[in-house]
Amino acid sequence: MAKPITTIKKNIPTEEEKKKESLDQLAAELADHDAALKKTLELVRELHDSGILEAVHAMLKAKTDIAQIAVEQATRKPVTNMINNVMGAAGVLAEMEPEVTKKLLGSISSGMEEAKEHLKSPQKVGMFDLLKVMNDPDINRAIGFGIRFLKGMGKGLKEL
């Protein structure tokens, strides 16, 4: 019959054995990923040679100062005004119907093309020309749109 086990020997590695095992594991990893390591070193060398590495290192050292400057710049009145204006414009665009916006922008584009063609001709526009074009349905539609736009804008400005 076998002798019963009364003590268990636990193998506790020494500090030196732990370091050797860690170095062996690191060496195996380096051998497995040789190409990746070479590319990484090449990338770091290029960053160093171009001066980018030093700039990034300096930025990391000065991160508190840079963050303070960024916050100070972001809280300046012109920047906060710009942010508020963008938010206001986004709110207005959110209220508008996308189809109407698309049609209006397309009309503006067409108008710009017509205006560009007029710039190519040296012809002056006189008072009688203005009276004649009032009968043109396209011009009449645009003038009516503009008048109603200005009326609505005036109503909105009255509330200020």
N, C-alpha and C. Protein backbone atom coordinates (compact mmCIF):
# COMPACT_ATOMS: atom_id res chain seq x y z
N MET A 1 0.82 -1.17 0.00
CA MET A 1 0.00 0.00 0.00
C MET A 1 0.87 1.25 0.00
N ALA A 2 0.35 2.31 -0.67
CA ALA A 2 1.13 3.54 -0.79
C ALA A 2 1.08 4.35 0.49
N LYS A 3 2.09 5.12 0.64
CA LYS A 3 2.21 5.95 1.82
C LYS A 3 1.38 7.23 1.60
N PRO A 4 0.56 7.62 2.58
CA PRO A 4 -0.26 8.83 2.39
C PRO A 4 0.61 10.10 2.37
N ILE A 5 0.12 11.12 1.55
CA ILE A 5 0.83 12.40 1.45
C ILE A 5 0.44 13.24 2.66
N THR A 6 1.42 13.69 3.38
CA THR A 6 1.13 14.48 4.58
C THR A 6 1.56 15.93 4.42
N THR A 7 2.45 16.21 3.50
CA THR A 7 2.89 17.60 3.27
C THR A 7 2.90 17.87 1.77
N ILE A 8 2.57 19.12 1.46
CA ILE A 8 2.59 19.55 0.05
C ILE A 8 3.68 20.60 -0.09
N LYS A 9 4.59 20.31 -1.01
CA LYS A 9 5.66 21.27 -1.25
C LYS A 9 5.22 22.21 -2.37
N LYS A 10 5.18 23.48 -2.04
CA LYS A 10 4.80 24.49 -3.03
C LYS A 10 6.08 25.14 -3.53
N ASN A 11 6.22 25.16 -4.86
CA ASN A 11 7.41 25.73 -5.47
C ASN A 11 7.19 27.24 -5.63
N ILE A 12 7.81 28.03 -4.80
CA ILE A 12 7.71 29.49 -4.87
C ILE A 12 8.98 30.00 -5.53
N PRO A 13 8.81 30.60 -6.73
CA PRO A 13 10.00 31.07 -7.44
C PRO A 13 10.62 32.28 -6.73
N THR A 14 11.92 32.36 -6.82
CA THR A 14 12.63 33.49 -6.22
C THR A 14 12.49 34.70 -7.15
N GLU A 15 12.89 35.83 -6.66
CA GLU A 15 12.81 37.07 -7.43
C GLU A 15 13.65 36.95 -8.70
N GLU A 16 14.79 36.32 -8.59
CA GLU A 16 15.68 36.14 -9.73
C GLU A 16 15.03 35.23 -10.78
N GLU A 17 14.38 34.15 -10.34
CA GLU A 17 13.69 33.23 -11.25
C GLU A 17 12.53 33.93 -11.95
N LYS A 18 11.82 34.79 -11.23
CA LYS A 18 10.71 35.55 -11.84
C LYS A 18 11.23 36.46 -12.94
N LYS A 19 12.34 37.15 -12.68
CA LYS A 19 12.92 38.04 -13.68
C LYS A 19 13.38 37.27 -14.90
N LYS A 20 14.03 36.11 -14.67
CA LYS A 20 14.50 35.29 -15.79
C LYS A 20 13.33 34.80 -16.63
N GLU A 21 12.25 34.37 -15.98
CA GLU A 21 11.06 33.90 -16.69
C GLU A 21 10.44 35.04 -17.50
N SER A 22 10.40 36.22 -16.90
CA SER A 22 9.85 37.38 -17.57
C SER A 22 10.68 37.75 -18.79
N LEU A 23 12.02 37.70 -18.65
CA LEU A 23 12.90 37.99 -19.78
C LEU A 23 12.77 36.96 -20.88
N ASP A 24 12.63 35.69 -20.50
CA ASP A 24 12.45 34.63 -21.50
C ASP A 24 11.14 34.83 -22.28
N GLN A 25 10.10 35.20 -21.56
CA GLN A 25 8.80 35.43 -22.19
C GLN A 25 8.89 36.63 -23.14
N LEU A 26 9.56 37.71 -22.71
CA LEU A 26 9.73 38.89 -23.56
C LEU A 26 10.54 38.55 -24.81
N ALA A 27 11.58 37.76 -24.66
CA ALA A 27 12.41 37.36 -25.80
C ALA A 27 11.58 36.54 -26.79
N ALA A 28 10.73 35.66 -26.28
CA ALA A 28 9.87 34.86 -27.16
C ALA A 28 8.88 35.75 -27.91
N GLU A 29 8.31 36.74 -27.22
CA GLU A 29 7.38 37.67 -27.87
C GLU A 29 8.10 38.48 -28.95
N LEU A 30 9.30 38.94 -28.66
CA LEU A 30 10.06 39.71 -29.65
C LEU A 30 10.37 38.87 -30.87
N ALA A 31 10.71 37.62 -30.66
CA ALA A 31 11.01 36.73 -31.78
C ALA A 31 9.77 36.47 -32.62
N ASP A 32 8.61 36.34 -31.96
CA ASP A 32 7.36 36.08 -32.68
C ASP A 32 6.91 37.30 -33.50
N HIS A 33 7.19 38.49 -33.00
CA HIS A 33 6.69 39.71 -33.65
C HIS A 33 7.84 40.58 -34.15
N ASP A 34 8.79 39.96 -34.76
CA ASP A 34 9.98 40.64 -35.24
C ASP A 34 9.66 41.74 -36.25
N ALA A 35 8.81 41.44 -37.24
CA ALA A 35 8.49 42.41 -38.30
C ALA A 35 7.75 43.61 -37.72
N ALA A 36 6.80 43.36 -36.82
CA ALA A 36 6.04 44.47 -36.22
C ALA A 36 6.95 45.35 -35.39
N LEU A 37 7.86 44.76 -34.67
CA LEU A 37 8.79 45.52 -33.85
C LEU A 37 9.70 46.39 -34.72
N LYS A 38 10.18 45.83 -35.82
CA LYS A 38 11.04 46.60 -36.72
C LYS A 38 10.29 47.79 -37.31
N LYS A 39 9.02 47.59 -37.71
CA LYS A 39 8.21 48.68 -38.26
C LYS A 39 7.96 49.75 -37.21
N THR A 40 7.72 49.32 -35.97
CA THR A 40 7.49 50.28 -34.89
C THR A 40 8.73 51.12 -34.64
N LEU A 41 9.88 50.48 -34.61
CA LEU A 41 11.13 51.21 -34.42
C LEU A 41 11.40 52.18 -35.57
N GLU A 42 11.08 51.74 -36.79
CA GLU A 42 11.26 52.60 -37.95
C GLU A 42 10.34 53.83 -37.85
N LEU A 43 9.10 53.60 -37.42
CA LEU A 43 8.15 54.70 -37.26
C LEU A 43 8.64 55.69 -36.20
N VAL A 44 9.11 55.18 -35.08
CA VAL A 44 9.63 56.05 -34.01
C VAL A 44 10.85 56.82 -34.50
N ARG A 45 11.71 56.17 -35.28
CA ARG A 45 12.90 56.83 -35.83
C ARG A 45 12.48 57.98 -36.75
N GLU A 46 11.49 57.73 -37.62
CA GLU A 46 11.00 58.78 -38.53
C GLU A 46 10.39 59.94 -37.75
N LEU A 47 9.62 59.64 -36.72
CA LEU A 47 9.03 60.69 -35.88
C LEU A 47 10.13 61.51 -35.20
N HIS A 48 11.16 60.83 -34.76
CA HIS A 48 12.28 61.52 -34.11
C HIS A 48 13.02 62.40 -35.10
N ASP A 49 13.32 61.85 -36.28
CA ASP A 49 14.07 62.60 -37.28
C ASP A 49 13.31 63.83 -37.76
N SER A 50 11.99 63.75 -37.85
CA SER A 50 11.20 64.88 -38.34
C SER A 50 10.91 65.90 -37.25
N GLY A 51 11.20 65.58 -36.00
CA GLY A 51 10.96 66.52 -34.91
C GLY A 51 9.58 66.40 -34.28
N ILE A 52 8.75 65.55 -34.84
CA ILE A 52 7.39 65.40 -34.32
C ILE A 52 7.42 64.77 -32.94
N LEU A 53 8.30 63.83 -32.74
CA LEU A 53 8.38 63.14 -31.45
C LEU A 53 8.69 64.13 -30.32
N GLU A 54 9.63 65.04 -30.57
CA GLU A 54 9.97 66.04 -29.56
C GLU A 54 8.79 66.95 -29.30
N ALA A 55 8.07 67.34 -30.37
CA ALA A 55 6.91 68.23 -30.21
C ALA A 55 5.82 67.56 -29.38
N VAL A 56 5.55 66.29 -29.67
CA VAL A 56 4.54 65.56 -28.91
C VAL A 56 4.98 65.40 -27.46
N HIS A 57 6.25 65.12 -27.26
CA HIS A 57 6.78 64.98 -25.89
C HIS A 57 6.62 66.29 -25.13
N ALA A 58 6.93 67.41 -25.77
CA ALA A 58 6.79 68.73 -25.12
C ALA A 58 5.32 69.02 -24.81
N MET A 59 4.43 68.63 -25.74
CA MET A 59 3.00 68.84 -25.50
C MET A 59 2.52 68.01 -24.32
N LEU A 60 3.00 66.79 -24.20
CA LEU A 60 2.60 65.95 -23.07
C LEU A 60 3.09 66.53 -21.75
N LYS A 61 4.31 67.08 -21.76
CA LYS A 61 4.83 67.70 -20.54
C LYS A 61 4.01 68.94 -20.16
N ALA A 62 3.53 69.67 -21.17
CA ALA A 62 2.81 70.92 -20.93
C ALA A 62 1.30 70.75 -21.03
N LYS A 63 0.81 69.53 -20.83
CA LYS A 63 -0.62 69.26 -21.05
C LYS A 63 -1.52 70.13 -20.18
N THR A 64 -1.14 70.44 -18.96
CA THR A 64 -1.97 71.27 -18.09
C THR A 64 -2.05 72.68 -18.64
N ASP A 65 -0.91 73.21 -19.08
CA ASP A 65 -0.90 74.56 -19.64
C ASP A 65 -1.72 74.61 -20.94
N ILE A 66 -1.57 73.60 -21.77
CA ILE A 66 -2.31 73.56 -23.04
C ILE A 66 -3.80 73.46 -22.77
N ALA A 67 -4.21 72.63 -21.82
CA ALA A 67 -5.63 72.50 -21.49
C ALA A 67 -6.18 73.82 -20.97
N GLN A 68 -5.40 74.53 -20.16
CA GLN A 68 -5.84 75.81 -19.63
C GLN A 68 -6.02 76.82 -20.76
N ILE A 69 -5.09 76.85 -21.70
CA ILE A 69 -5.18 77.77 -22.84
C ILE A 69 -6.41 77.43 -23.69
N ALA A 70 -6.63 76.13 -23.92
CA ALA A 70 -7.78 75.71 -24.74
C ALA A 70 -9.08 76.14 -24.07
N VAL A 71 -9.19 75.96 -22.76
CA VAL A 71 -10.41 76.35 -22.05
C VAL A 71 -10.59 77.87 -22.12
N GLU A 72 -9.49 78.61 -21.92
CA GLU A 72 -9.59 80.07 -22.00
C GLU A 72 -10.03 80.52 -23.39
N GLN A 73 -9.50 79.89 -24.43
CA GLN A 73 -9.89 80.26 -25.79
C GLN A 73 -11.35 79.90 -26.08
N ALA A 74 -11.78 78.76 -25.57
CA ALA A 74 -13.15 78.31 -25.84
C ALA A 74 -14.18 79.15 -25.10
N THR A 75 -13.80 79.78 -24.01
CA THR A 75 -14.75 80.57 -23.24
C THR A 75 -14.72 82.05 -23.61
N ARG A 76 -13.94 82.42 -24.61
CA ARG A 76 -13.95 83.82 -25.07
C ARG A 76 -15.30 84.16 -25.68
N LYS A 77 -15.69 85.42 -25.58
CA LYS A 77 -17.01 85.84 -26.06
C LYS A 77 -17.23 85.54 -27.55
N PRO A 78 -16.26 85.82 -28.45
CA PRO A 78 -16.52 85.49 -29.86
C PRO A 78 -16.77 84.00 -30.09
N VAL A 79 -16.06 83.14 -29.36
CA VAL A 79 -16.24 81.69 -29.54
C VAL A 79 -17.60 81.26 -29.02
N THR A 80 -17.98 81.77 -27.85
CA THR A 80 -19.30 81.39 -27.32
C THR A 80 -20.41 81.95 -28.20
N ASN A 81 -20.21 83.16 -28.76
CA ASN A 81 -21.20 83.71 -29.70
C ASN A 81 -21.33 82.80 -30.92
N MET A 82 -20.18 82.34 -31.45
CA MET A 82 -20.22 81.46 -32.62
C MET A 82 -20.96 80.17 -32.30
N ILE A 83 -20.67 79.58 -31.15
CA ILE A 83 -21.35 78.34 -30.76
C ILE A 83 -22.86 78.57 -30.64
N ASN A 84 -23.23 79.68 -30.00
CA ASN A 84 -24.66 79.99 -29.86
C ASN A 84 -25.31 80.23 -31.22
N ASN A 85 -24.60 80.90 -32.14
CA ASN A 85 -25.15 81.14 -33.47
C ASN A 85 -25.34 79.84 -34.24
N VAL A 86 -24.36 78.95 -34.13
CA VAL A 86 -24.48 77.65 -34.82
C VAL A 86 -25.66 76.86 -34.25
N MET A 87 -25.80 76.89 -32.93
CA MET A 87 -26.92 76.18 -32.31
C MET A 87 -28.26 76.79 -32.73
N GLY A 88 -28.31 78.13 -32.81
CA GLY A 88 -29.53 78.80 -33.25
C GLY A 88 -29.87 78.46 -34.69
N ALA A 89 -28.84 78.48 -35.55
CA ALA A 89 -29.05 78.14 -36.97
C ALA A 89 -29.50 76.69 -37.11
N ALA A 90 -28.91 75.81 -36.31
CA ALA A 90 -29.31 74.40 -36.35
C ALA A 90 -30.76 74.25 -35.91
N GLY A 91 -31.17 75.03 -34.92
CA GLY A 91 -32.56 75.00 -34.47
C GLY A 91 -33.52 75.46 -35.55
N VAL A 92 -33.15 76.53 -36.25
CA VAL A 92 -33.99 77.03 -37.35
C VAL A 92 -34.07 75.99 -38.46
N LEU A 93 -32.94 75.40 -38.82
CA LEU A 93 -32.93 74.38 -39.88
C LEU A 93 -33.75 73.16 -39.47
N ALA A 94 -33.76 72.85 -38.18
CA ALA A 94 -34.53 71.69 -37.71
C ALA A 94 -36.02 71.95 -37.84
N GLU A 95 -36.44 73.22 -37.73
CA GLU A 95 -37.86 73.55 -37.84
C GLU A 95 -38.34 73.58 -39.28
N MET A 96 -37.43 73.80 -40.22
CA MET A 96 -37.82 73.93 -41.62
C MET A 96 -38.04 72.55 -42.25
N GLU A 97 -38.98 72.51 -43.18
CA GLU A 97 -39.23 71.29 -43.92
C GLU A 97 -38.07 71.04 -44.89
N PRO A 98 -37.51 69.83 -44.90
CA PRO A 98 -36.36 69.56 -45.78
C PRO A 98 -36.66 69.77 -47.26
N GLU A 99 -37.89 69.45 -47.68
CA GLU A 99 -38.24 69.63 -49.10
C GLU A 99 -38.21 71.10 -49.48
N VAL A 100 -38.73 71.96 -48.58
CA VAL A 100 -38.74 73.40 -48.85
C VAL A 100 -37.31 73.93 -48.90
N THR A 101 -36.49 73.50 -47.96
CA THR A 101 -35.09 73.94 -47.94
C THR A 101 -34.37 73.52 -49.21
N LYS A 102 -34.60 72.28 -49.62
CA LYS A 102 -33.96 71.77 -50.84
C LYS A 102 -34.40 72.58 -52.06
N LYS A 103 -35.70 72.86 -52.16
CA LYS A 103 -36.21 73.61 -53.30
C LYS A 103 -35.67 75.04 -53.28
N LEU A 104 -35.61 75.66 -52.09
CA LEU A 104 -35.11 77.02 -51.98
C LEU A 104 -33.64 77.09 -52.38
N LEU A 105 -32.83 76.13 -51.90
CA LEU A 105 -31.41 76.13 -52.26
C LEU A 105 -31.21 75.87 -53.75
N GLY A 106 -32.04 75.01 -54.33
CA GLY A 106 -31.98 74.78 -55.78
C GLY A 106 -32.34 76.03 -56.55
N SER A 107 -33.33 76.77 -56.06
CA SER A 107 -33.73 78.02 -56.71
C SER A 107 -32.62 79.06 -56.62
N ILE A 108 -31.97 79.11 -55.48
CA ILE A 108 -30.84 80.05 -55.32
C ILE A 108 -29.73 79.71 -56.31
N SER A 109 -29.47 78.42 -56.48
CA SER A 109 -28.44 77.99 -57.42
C SER A 109 -28.80 78.39 -58.85
N SER A 110 -30.06 78.18 -59.22
CA SER A 110 -30.50 78.58 -60.56
C SER A 110 -30.38 80.09 -60.74
N GLY A 111 -30.77 80.83 -59.71
CA GLY A 111 -30.67 82.29 -59.77
C GLY A 111 -29.24 82.75 -59.93
N MET A 112 -28.33 82.07 -59.25
CA MET A 112 -26.91 82.44 -59.36
C MET A 112 -26.40 82.20 -60.78
N GLU A 113 -26.85 81.13 -61.41
CA GLU A 113 -26.44 80.85 -62.80
C GLU A 113 -26.94 81.94 -63.74
N GLU A 114 -28.21 82.34 -63.57
CA GLU A 114 -28.79 83.41 -64.41
C GLU A 114 -28.02 84.72 -64.18
N ALA A 115 -27.73 85.02 -62.91
CA ALA A 115 -27.02 86.26 -62.59
C ALA A 115 -25.61 86.24 -63.19
N LYS A 116 -24.97 85.08 -63.18
CA LYS A 116 -23.63 84.97 -63.76
C LYS A 116 -23.67 85.24 -65.26
N GLU A 117 -24.72 84.76 -65.92
CA GLU A 117 -24.87 85.01 -67.36
C GLU A 117 -25.04 86.50 -67.63
N HIS A 118 -25.79 87.19 -66.75
CA HIS A 118 -26.00 88.63 -66.94
C HIS A 118 -24.68 89.39 -66.80
N LEU A 119 -23.80 88.93 -65.91
CA LEU A 119 -22.53 89.62 -65.71
C LEU A 119 -21.65 89.57 -66.96
N LYS A 120 -21.89 88.59 -67.81
CA LYS A 120 -21.09 88.46 -69.04
C LYS A 120 -21.48 89.50 -70.09
N SER A 121 -22.70 90.05 -69.98
CA SER A 121 -23.15 91.01 -70.99
C SER A 121 -22.98 92.43 -70.45
N PRO A 122 -22.63 93.36 -71.31
CA PRO A 122 -22.43 94.74 -70.86
C PRO A 122 -23.74 95.54 -70.78
N GLN A 123 -24.87 94.90 -71.01
CA GLN A 123 -26.16 95.58 -71.08
C GLN A 123 -26.56 96.16 -69.72
N LYS A 124 -27.01 97.43 -69.73
CA LYS A 124 -27.47 98.08 -68.52
C LYS A 124 -28.96 97.79 -68.35
N VAL A 125 -29.41 97.76 -67.11
CA VAL A 125 -30.83 97.56 -66.81
C VAL A 125 -31.42 98.92 -66.47
N GLY A 126 -32.44 99.32 -67.24
CA GLY A 126 -33.09 100.61 -67.01
C GLY A 126 -34.43 100.44 -66.34
N MET A 127 -35.08 101.57 -66.05
CA MET A 127 -36.39 101.56 -65.38
C MET A 127 -37.44 100.84 -66.23
N PHE A 128 -37.43 101.09 -67.54
CA PHE A 128 -38.42 100.43 -68.39
C PHE A 128 -38.19 98.92 -68.45
N ASP A 129 -36.93 98.52 -68.37
CA ASP A 129 -36.62 97.08 -68.33
C ASP A 129 -37.24 96.45 -67.08
N LEU A 130 -37.16 97.16 -65.96
CA LEU A 130 -37.73 96.64 -64.71
C LEU A 130 -39.25 96.51 -64.83
N LEU A 131 -39.90 97.52 -65.43
CA LEU A 131 -41.35 97.47 -65.58
C LEU A 131 -41.76 96.34 -66.53
N LYS A 132 -40.98 96.12 -67.58
CA LYS A 132 -41.29 95.05 -68.54
C LYS A 132 -41.19 93.67 -67.91
N VAL A 133 -40.16 93.45 -67.10
CA VAL A 133 -39.94 92.11 -66.55
C VAL A 133 -40.93 91.77 -65.45
N MET A 134 -41.69 92.76 -64.97
CA MET A 134 -42.70 92.47 -63.95
C MET A 134 -43.77 91.53 -64.50
N ASN A 135 -43.95 91.48 -65.84
CA ASN A 135 -44.93 90.57 -66.45
C ASN A 135 -44.40 89.15 -66.59
N ASP A 136 -43.09 88.98 -66.42
CA ASP A 136 -42.50 87.64 -66.49
C ASP A 136 -42.94 86.85 -65.25
N PRO A 137 -43.59 85.68 -65.43
CA PRO A 137 -44.11 84.92 -64.28
C PRO A 137 -43.02 84.46 -63.31
N ASP A 138 -41.83 84.15 -63.82
CA ASP A 138 -40.76 83.72 -62.93
C ASP A 138 -40.29 84.87 -62.02
N ILE A 139 -40.13 86.05 -62.63
CA ILE A 139 -39.69 87.21 -61.85
C ILE A 139 -40.79 87.62 -60.88
N ASN A 140 -42.03 87.58 -61.33
CA ASN A 140 -43.14 87.95 -60.46
C ASN A 140 -43.23 87.00 -59.26
N ARG A 141 -43.00 85.72 -59.50
CA ARG A 141 -43.02 84.73 -58.42
C ARG A 141 -41.91 85.01 -57.41
N ALA A 142 -40.72 85.34 -57.91
CA ALA A 142 -39.59 85.61 -57.03
C ALA A 142 -39.82 86.90 -56.22
N ILE A 143 -40.38 87.92 -56.87
CA ILE A 143 -40.65 89.17 -56.16
C ILE A 143 -41.73 88.95 -55.09
N GLY A 144 -42.76 88.20 -55.44
CA GLY A 144 -43.80 87.89 -54.45
C GLY A 144 -43.23 87.11 -53.27
N PHE A 145 -42.37 86.15 -53.57
CA PHE A 145 -41.72 85.37 -52.51
C PHE A 145 -40.90 86.30 -51.62
N GLY A 146 -40.14 87.19 -52.24
CA GLY A 146 -39.29 88.11 -51.49
C GLY A 146 -40.10 89.05 -50.61
N ILE A 147 -41.20 89.55 -51.14
CA ILE A 147 -42.06 90.46 -50.37
C ILE A 147 -42.64 89.74 -49.16
N ARG A 148 -43.14 88.53 -49.37
CA ARG A 148 -43.72 87.77 -48.25
C ARG A 148 -42.64 87.37 -47.24
N PHE A 149 -41.45 87.07 -47.75
CA PHE A 149 -40.32 86.76 -46.87
C PHE A 149 -40.01 87.96 -45.98
N LEU A 150 -39.93 89.13 -46.61
CA LEU A 150 -39.64 90.35 -45.84
C LEU A 150 -40.75 90.66 -44.84
N LYS A 151 -42.02 90.40 -45.20
CA LYS A 151 -43.12 90.63 -44.27
C LYS A 151 -42.99 89.71 -43.05
N GLY A 152 -42.72 88.44 -43.29
CA GLY A 152 -42.54 87.49 -42.18
C GLY A 152 -41.33 87.85 -41.33
N MET A 153 -40.27 88.28 -41.96
CA MET A 153 -39.08 88.69 -41.23
C MET A 153 -39.38 89.92 -40.37
N GLY A 154 -40.15 90.85 -40.92
CA GLY A 154 -40.53 92.05 -40.15
C GLY A 154 -41.37 91.69 -38.93
N LYS A 155 -42.29 90.73 -39.10
CA LYS A 155 -43.09 90.28 -37.96
C LYS A 155 -42.19 89.68 -36.88
N GLY A 156 -41.22 88.89 -37.30
CA GLY A 156 -40.29 88.29 -36.34
C GLY A 156 -39.45 89.33 -35.65
N LEU A 157 -39.05 90.39 -36.36
CA LEU A 157 -38.23 91.44 -35.77
C LEU A 157 -39.01 92.30 -34.79
N LYS A 158 -40.34 92.38 -34.99
CA LYS A 158 -41.17 93.17 -34.08
C LYS A 158 -41.15 92.58 -32.68
N GLU A 159 -40.96 91.25 -32.59
CA GLU A 159 -40.98 90.57 -31.30
C GLU A 159 -39.67 90.75 -30.53
N LEU A 160 -38.63 91.29 -31.16
CA LEU A 160 -37.36 91.50 -30.46
C LEU A 160 -37.53 92.55 -29.45
